[in-house]
Amino acid sequence: MESSEELRQVVTRFFEALRDGDEEAVRNRVSRQPGFERFGSDPEEVWHDGEAAARLWVQQMKELGGG
């Protein structure tokens, strides 16, 4: 597999947005495409909806002290 500079930049910006508390940037980097799935650390944590996952990321960011 080849590394992708574009993908690296997207992921880096996502982590920076979490760190900085940038809700809009976090939401903008969560897919809303059909087939999207987000898995958590618990086997029951699965989201098939990008909008729900975006809300979850923002909530977790706040709880972890992002921003």
PDB file of N, CA and C in Angstrom:
ATOM      1  N   MET A   1       0.839  -1.161   0.000  1.00  0.00           N
ATOM      2  CA  MET A   1       0.000   0.000   0.000  1.00  0.00           C
ATOM      3  C   MET A   1       0.893   1.236   0.000  1.00  0.00           C
ATOM      4  N   GLU A   2       0.561   2.192  -0.863  1.00  0.00           N
ATOM      5  CA  GLU A   2       1.296   3.453  -0.912  1.00  0.00           C
ATOM      6  C   GLU A   2       0.719   4.431   0.085  1.00  0.00           C
ATOM      7  N   SER A   3       1.592   5.233   0.666  1.00  0.00           N
ATOM      8  CA  SER A   3       1.096   6.272   1.565  1.00  0.00           C
ATOM      9  C   SER A   3       0.445   7.379   0.732  1.00  0.00           C
ATOM     10  N   SER A   4      -0.503   8.058   1.348  1.00  0.00           N
ATOM     11  CA  SER A   4      -1.227   9.125   0.663  1.00  0.00           C
ATOM     12  C   SER A   4      -1.070  10.424   1.447  1.00  0.00           C
ATOM     13  N   GLU A   5      -0.441  11.389   0.843  1.00  0.00           N
ATOM     14  CA  GLU A   5      -0.269  12.692   1.485  1.00  0.00           C
ATOM     15  C   GLU A   5      -1.624  13.344   1.752  1.00  0.00           C
ATOM     16  N   GLU A   6      -2.549  13.202   0.817  1.00  0.00           N
ATOM     17  CA  GLU A   6      -3.883  13.785   0.987  1.00  0.00           C
ATOM     18  C   GLU A   6      -4.594  13.178   2.198  1.00  0.00           C
ATOM     19  N   LEU A   7      -4.554  11.865   2.317  1.00  0.00           N
ATOM     20  CA  LEU A   7      -5.179  11.202   3.453  1.00  0.00           C
ATOM     21  C   LEU A   7      -4.494  11.589   4.765  1.00  0.00           C
ATOM     22  N   ARG A   8      -3.171  11.669   4.744  1.00  0.00           N
ATOM     23  CA  ARG A   8      -2.435  12.074   5.940  1.00  0.00           C
ATOM     24  C   ARG A   8      -2.874  13.466   6.395  1.00  0.00           C
ATOM     25  N   GLN A   9      -3.057  14.372   5.463  1.00  0.00           N
ATOM     26  CA  GLN A   9      -3.476  15.730   5.805  1.00  0.00           C
ATOM     27  C   GLN A   9      -4.884  15.761   6.394  1.00  0.00           C
ATOM     28  N   VAL A  10      -5.799  14.968   5.843  1.00  0.00           N
ATOM     29  CA  VAL A  10      -7.171  14.914   6.357  1.00  0.00           C
ATOM     30  C   VAL A  10      -7.174  14.381   7.788  1.00  0.00           C
ATOM     31  N   VAL A  11      -6.441  13.293   8.011  1.00  0.00           N
ATOM     32  CA  VAL A  11      -6.402  12.686   9.348  1.00  0.00           C
ATOM     33  C   VAL A  11      -5.714  13.634  10.337  1.00  0.00           C
ATOM     34  N   THR A  12      -4.627  14.252   9.921  1.00  0.00           N
ATOM     35  CA  THR A  12      -3.939  15.210  10.790  1.00  0.00           C
ATOM     36  C   THR A  12      -4.867  16.349  11.171  1.00  0.00           C
ATOM     37  N   ARG A  13      -5.603  16.886  10.218  1.00  0.00           N
ATOM     38  CA  ARG A  13      -6.520  17.990  10.506  1.00  0.00           C
ATOM     39  C   ARG A  13      -7.646  17.534  11.425  1.00  0.00           C
ATOM     40  N   PHE A  14      -8.108  16.295  11.274  1.00  0.00           N
ATOM     41  CA  PHE A  14      -9.147  15.758  12.158  1.00  0.00           C
ATOM     42  C   PHE A  14      -8.651  15.744  13.600  1.00  0.00           C
ATOM     43  N   PHE A  15      -7.440  15.230  13.813  1.00  0.00           N
ATOM     44  CA  PHE A  15      -6.889  15.187  15.168  1.00  0.00           C
ATOM     45  C   PHE A  15      -6.633  16.588  15.710  1.00  0.00           C
ATOM     46  N   GLU A  16      -6.192  17.497  14.865  1.00  0.00           N
ATOM     47  CA  GLU A  16      -6.000  18.881  15.300  1.00  0.00           C
ATOM     48  C   GLU A  16      -7.329  19.511  15.699  1.00  0.00           C
ATOM     49  N   ALA A  17      -8.386  19.211  14.932  1.00  0.00           N
ATOM     50  CA  ALA A  17      -9.712  19.746  15.248  1.00  0.00           C
ATOM     51  C   ALA A  17     -10.196  19.215  16.591  1.00  0.00           C
ATOM     52  N   LEU A  18      -9.977  17.930  16.865  1.00  0.00           N
ATOM     53  CA  LEU A  18     -10.339  17.367  18.165  1.00  0.00           C
ATOM     54  C   LEU A  18      -9.568  18.074  19.277  1.00  0.00           C
ATOM     55  N   ARG A  19      -8.280  18.234  19.077  1.00  0.00           N
ATOM     56  CA  ARG A  19      -7.431  18.890  20.076  1.00  0.00           C
ATOM     57  C   ARG A  19      -7.867  20.335  20.329  1.00  0.00           C
ATOM     58  N   ASP A  20      -8.217  21.031  19.250  1.00  0.00           N
ATOM     59  CA  ASP A  20      -8.532  22.459  19.336  1.00  0.00           C
ATOM     60  C   ASP A  20      -9.981  22.747  19.685  1.00  0.00           C
ATOM     61  N   GLY A  21     -10.819  21.705  19.732  1.00  0.00           N
ATOM     62  CA  GLY A  21     -12.230  21.910  20.029  1.00  0.00           C
ATOM     63  C   GLY A  21     -12.998  22.520  18.868  1.00  0.00           C
ATOM     64  N   ASP A  22     -12.550  22.273  17.645  1.00  0.00           N
ATOM     65  CA  ASP A  22     -13.170  22.840  16.447  1.00  0.00           C
ATOM     66  C   ASP A  22     -14.300  21.919  15.979  1.00  0.00           C
ATOM     67  N   GLU A  23     -15.507  22.175  16.503  1.00  0.00           N
ATOM     68  CA  GLU A  23     -16.651  21.305  16.215  1.00  0.00           C
ATOM     69  C   GLU A  23     -16.953  21.207  14.733  1.00  0.00           C
ATOM     70  N   GLU A  24     -16.928  22.322  14.029  1.00  0.00           N
ATOM     71  CA  GLU A  24     -17.253  22.308  12.605  1.00  0.00           C
ATOM     72  C   GLU A  24     -16.264  21.445  11.815  1.00  0.00           C
ATOM     73  N   ALA A  25     -14.980  21.588  12.116  1.00  0.00           N
ATOM     74  CA  ALA A  25     -13.975  20.795  11.405  1.00  0.00           C
ATOM     75  C   ALA A  25     -14.124  19.307  11.714  1.00  0.00           C
ATOM     76  N   VAL A  26     -14.465  18.977  12.962  1.00  0.00           N
ATOM     77  CA  VAL A  26     -14.695  17.570  13.311  1.00  0.00           C
ATOM     78  C   VAL A  26     -15.878  17.038  12.512  1.00  0.00           C
ATOM     79  N   ARG A  27     -16.993  17.770  12.534  1.00  0.00           N
ATOM     80  CA  ARG A  27     -18.197  17.325  11.801  1.00  0.00           C
ATOM     81  C   ARG A  27     -17.930  17.172  10.306  1.00  0.00           C
ATOM     82  N   ASN A  28     -17.133  18.072   9.757  1.00  0.00           N
ATOM     83  CA  ASN A  28     -16.860  18.039   8.316  1.00  0.00           C
ATOM     84  C   ASN A  28     -15.976  16.882   7.889  1.00  0.00           C
ATOM     85  N   ARG A  29     -15.364  16.198   8.841  1.00  0.00           N
ATOM     86  CA  ARG A  29     -14.468  15.098   8.494  1.00  0.00           C
ATOM     87  C   ARG A  29     -15.042  13.734   8.824  1.00  0.00           C
ATOM     88  N   VAL A  30     -16.332  13.681   9.098  1.00  0.00           N
ATOM     89  CA  VAL A  30     -17.028  12.415   9.330  1.00  0.00           C
ATOM     90  C   VAL A  30     -17.914  12.144   8.118  1.00  0.00           C
ATOM     91  N   SER A  31     -17.751  10.994   7.518  1.00  0.00           N
ATOM     92  CA  SER A  31     -18.480  10.643   6.303  1.00  0.00           C
ATOM     93  C   SER A  31     -19.977  10.505   6.545  1.00  0.00           C
ATOM     94  N   ARG A  32     -20.750  10.958   5.585  1.00  0.00           N
ATOM     95  CA  ARG A  32     -22.204  10.739   5.557  1.00  0.00           C
ATOM     96  C   ARG A  32     -22.574   9.806   4.411  1.00  0.00           C
ATOM     97  N   GLN A  33     -21.568   9.172   3.812  1.00  0.00           N
ATOM     98  CA  GLN A  33     -21.799   8.302   2.664  1.00  0.00           C
ATOM     99  C   GLN A  33     -22.475   7.000   3.086  1.00  0.00           C
ATOM    100  N   PRO A  34     -23.324   6.438   2.209  1.00  0.00           N
ATOM    101  CA  PRO A  34     -23.925   5.128   2.501  1.00  0.00           C
ATOM    102  C   PRO A  34     -22.821   4.103   2.751  1.00  0.00           C
ATOM    103  N   GLY A  35     -23.026   3.257   3.726  1.00  0.00           N
ATOM    104  CA  GLY A  35     -22.041   2.249   4.068  1.00  0.00           C
ATOM    105  C   GLY A  35     -21.079   2.683   5.154  1.00  0.00           C
ATOM    106  N   PHE A  36     -21.183   3.940   5.580  1.00  0.00           N
ATOM    107  CA  PHE A  36     -20.329   4.428   6.657  1.00  0.00           C
ATOM    108  C   PHE A  36     -20.567   3.630   7.935  1.00  0.00           C
ATOM    109  N   GLU A  37     -19.512   3.268   8.621  1.00  0.00           N
ATOM    110  CA  GLU A  37     -19.623   2.650   9.937  1.00  0.00           C
ATOM    111  C   GLU A  37     -18.501   3.168  10.813  1.00  0.00           C
ATOM    112  N   ARG A  38     -18.829   3.440  12.059  1.00  0.00           N
ATOM    113  CA  ARG A  38     -17.828   3.849  13.044  1.00  0.00           C
ATOM    114  C   ARG A  38     -17.909   2.862  14.183  1.00  0.00           C
ATOM    115  N   PHE A  39     -16.766   2.327  14.567  1.00  0.00           N
ATOM    116  CA  PHE A  39     -16.705   1.335  15.624  1.00  0.00           C
ATOM    117  C   PHE A  39     -16.017   1.941  16.834  1.00  0.00           C
ATOM    118  N   GLY A  40     -16.593   1.703  18.016  1.00  0.00           N
ATOM    119  CA  GLY A  40     -15.995   2.168  19.254  1.00  0.00           C
ATOM    120  C   GLY A  40     -15.170   1.074  19.899  1.00  0.00           C
ATOM    121  N   SER A  41     -14.763   1.327  21.123  1.00  0.00           N
ATOM    122  CA  SER A  41     -13.930   0.358  21.835  1.00  0.00           C
ATOM    123  C   SER A  41     -14.747  -0.779  22.436  1.00  0.00           C
ATOM    124  N   ASP A  42     -16.041  -0.607  22.551  1.00  0.00           N
ATOM    125  CA  ASP A  42     -16.943  -1.641  23.065  1.00  0.00           C
ATOM    126  C   ASP A  42     -17.581  -2.344  21.871  1.00  0.00           C
ATOM    127  N   PRO A  43     -17.755  -3.667  21.921  1.00  0.00           N
ATOM    128  CA  PRO A  43     -18.358  -4.380  20.786  1.00  0.00           C
ATOM    129  C   PRO A  43     -19.752  -3.872  20.411  1.00  0.00           C
ATOM    130  N   GLU A  44     -20.443  -3.262  21.347  1.00  0.00           N
ATOM    131  CA  GLU A  44     -21.784  -2.738  21.069  1.00  0.00           C
ATOM    132  C   GLU A  44     -21.756  -1.335  20.461  1.00  0.00           C
ATOM    133  N   GLU A  45     -20.586  -0.721  20.424  1.00  0.00           N
ATOM    134  CA  GLU A  45     -20.463   0.630  19.886  1.00  0.00           C
ATOM    135  C   GLU A  45     -20.262   0.576  18.370  1.00  0.00           C
ATOM    136  N   VAL A  46     -21.351   0.688  17.647  1.00  0.00           N
ATOM    137  CA  VAL A  46     -21.304   0.718  16.185  1.00  0.00           C
ATOM    138  C   VAL A  46     -22.325   1.742  15.722  1.00  0.00           C
ATOM    139  N   TRP A  47     -21.893   2.661  14.870  1.00  0.00           N
ATOM    140  CA  TRP A  47     -22.794   3.661  14.312  1.00  0.00           C
ATOM    141  C   TRP A  47     -22.784   3.514  12.803  1.00  0.00           C
ATOM    142  N   HIS A  48     -23.970   3.401  12.238  1.00  0.00           N
ATOM    143  CA  HIS A  48     -24.105   3.249  10.787  1.00  0.00           C
ATOM    144  C   HIS A  48     -24.524   4.556  10.133  1.00  0.00           C
ATOM    145  N   ASP A  49     -24.664   5.572  10.933  1.00  0.00           N
ATOM    146  CA  ASP A  49     -25.136   6.869  10.454  1.00  0.00           C
ATOM    147  C   ASP A  49     -24.055   7.914  10.712  1.00  0.00           C
ATOM    148  N   GLY A  50     -23.597   8.557   9.663  1.00  0.00           N
ATOM    149  CA  GLY A  50     -22.536   9.547   9.795  1.00  0.00           C
ATOM    150  C   GLY A  50     -22.922  10.729  10.650  1.00  0.00           C
ATOM    151  N   GLU A  51     -24.171  11.154  10.586  1.00  0.00           N
ATOM    152  CA  GLU A  51     -24.612  12.305  11.385  1.00  0.00           C
ATOM    153  C   GLU A  51     -24.548  11.974  12.872  1.00  0.00           C
ATOM    154  N   ALA A  52     -25.000  10.784  13.243  1.00  0.00           N
ATOM    155  CA  ALA A  52     -24.928  10.361  14.649  1.00  0.00           C
ATOM    156  C   ALA A  52     -23.471  10.247  15.093  1.00  0.00           C
ATOM    157  N   ALA A  53     -22.622   9.726  14.239  1.00  0.00           N
ATOM    158  CA  ALA A  53     -21.208   9.595  14.580  1.00  0.00           C
ATOM    159  C   ALA A  53     -20.556  10.965  14.756  1.00  0.00           C
ATOM    160  N   ALA A  54     -20.921  11.929  13.913  1.00  0.00           N
ATOM    161  CA  ALA A  54     -20.368  13.283  14.045  1.00  0.00           C
ATOM    162  C   ALA A  54     -20.764  13.889  15.389  1.00  0.00           C
ATOM    163  N   ARG A  55     -22.032  13.715  15.777  1.00  0.00           N
ATOM    164  CA  ARG A  55     -22.472  14.221  17.085  1.00  0.00           C
ATOM    165  C   ARG A  55     -21.695  13.544  18.210  1.00  0.00           C
ATOM    166  N   LEU A  56     -21.462  12.252  18.066  1.00  0.00           N
ATOM    167  CA  LEU A  56     -20.723  11.510  19.081  1.00  0.00           C
ATOM    168  C   LEU A  56     -19.289  12.025  19.197  1.00  0.00           C
ATOM    169  N   TRP A  57     -18.613  12.235  18.061  1.00  0.00           N
ATOM    170  CA  TRP A  57     -17.239  12.742  18.091  1.00  0.00           C
ATOM    171  C   TRP A  57     -17.173  14.080  18.801  1.00  0.00           C
ATOM    172  N   VAL A  58     -18.129  14.964  18.506  1.00  0.00           N
ATOM    173  CA  VAL A  58     -18.139  16.284  19.140  1.00  0.00           C
ATOM    174  C   VAL A  58     -18.347  16.137  20.646  1.00  0.00           C
ATOM    175  N   GLN A  59     -19.275  15.278  21.054  1.00  0.00           N
ATOM    176  CA  GLN A  59     -19.521  15.063  22.478  1.00  0.00           C
ATOM    177  C   GLN A  59     -18.274  14.492  23.155  1.00  0.00           C
ATOM    178  N   GLN A  60     -17.649  13.513  22.549  1.00  0.00           N
ATOM    179  CA  GLN A  60     -16.442  12.928  23.140  1.00  0.00           C
ATOM    180  C   GLN A  60     -15.313  13.954  23.218  1.00  0.00           C
ATOM    181  N   MET A  61     -15.198  14.788  22.202  1.00  0.00           N
ATOM    182  CA  MET A  61     -14.180  15.831  22.191  1.00  0.00           C
ATOM    183  C   MET A  61     -14.384  16.745  23.395  1.00  0.00           C
ATOM    184  N   LYS A  62     -15.616  17.144  23.636  1.00  0.00           N
ATOM    185  CA  LYS A  62     -15.909  18.021  24.772  1.00  0.00           C
ATOM    186  C   LYS A  62     -15.602  17.332  26.095  1.00  0.00           C
ATOM    187  N   GLU A  63     -15.988  16.066  26.210  1.00  0.00           N
ATOM    188  CA  GLU A  63     -15.768  15.325  27.459  1.00  0.00           C
ATOM    189  C   GLU A  63     -14.282  15.114  27.741  1.00  0.00           C
ATOM    190  N   LEU A  64     -13.483  15.019  26.688  1.00  0.00           N
ATOM    191  CA  LEU A  64     -12.045  14.810  26.862  1.00  0.00           C
ATOM    192  C   LEU A  64     -11.278  16.130  26.979  1.00  0.00           C
ATOM    193  N   GLY A  65     -12.013  17.240  26.911  1.00  0.00           N
ATOM    194  CA  GLY A  65     -11.372  18.531  27.103  1.00  0.00           C
ATOM    195  C   GLY A  65     -10.781  19.145  25.855  1.00  0.00           C
ATOM    196  N   GLY A  66     -11.223  18.710  24.667  1.00  0.00           N
ATOM    197  CA  GLY A  66     -10.765  19.336  23.433  1.00  0.00           C
ATOM    198  C   GLY A  66     -11.085  20.818  23.447  1.00  0.00           C
ATOM    199  N   GLY A  67     -10.178  21.611  22.967  1.00  0.00           N
ATOM    200  CA  GLY A  67     -10.415  23.044  22.925  1.00  0.00           C
ATOM    201  C   GLY A  67     -10.123  23.684  24.242  1.00  0.00           C
TER     202      GLY A  67
END
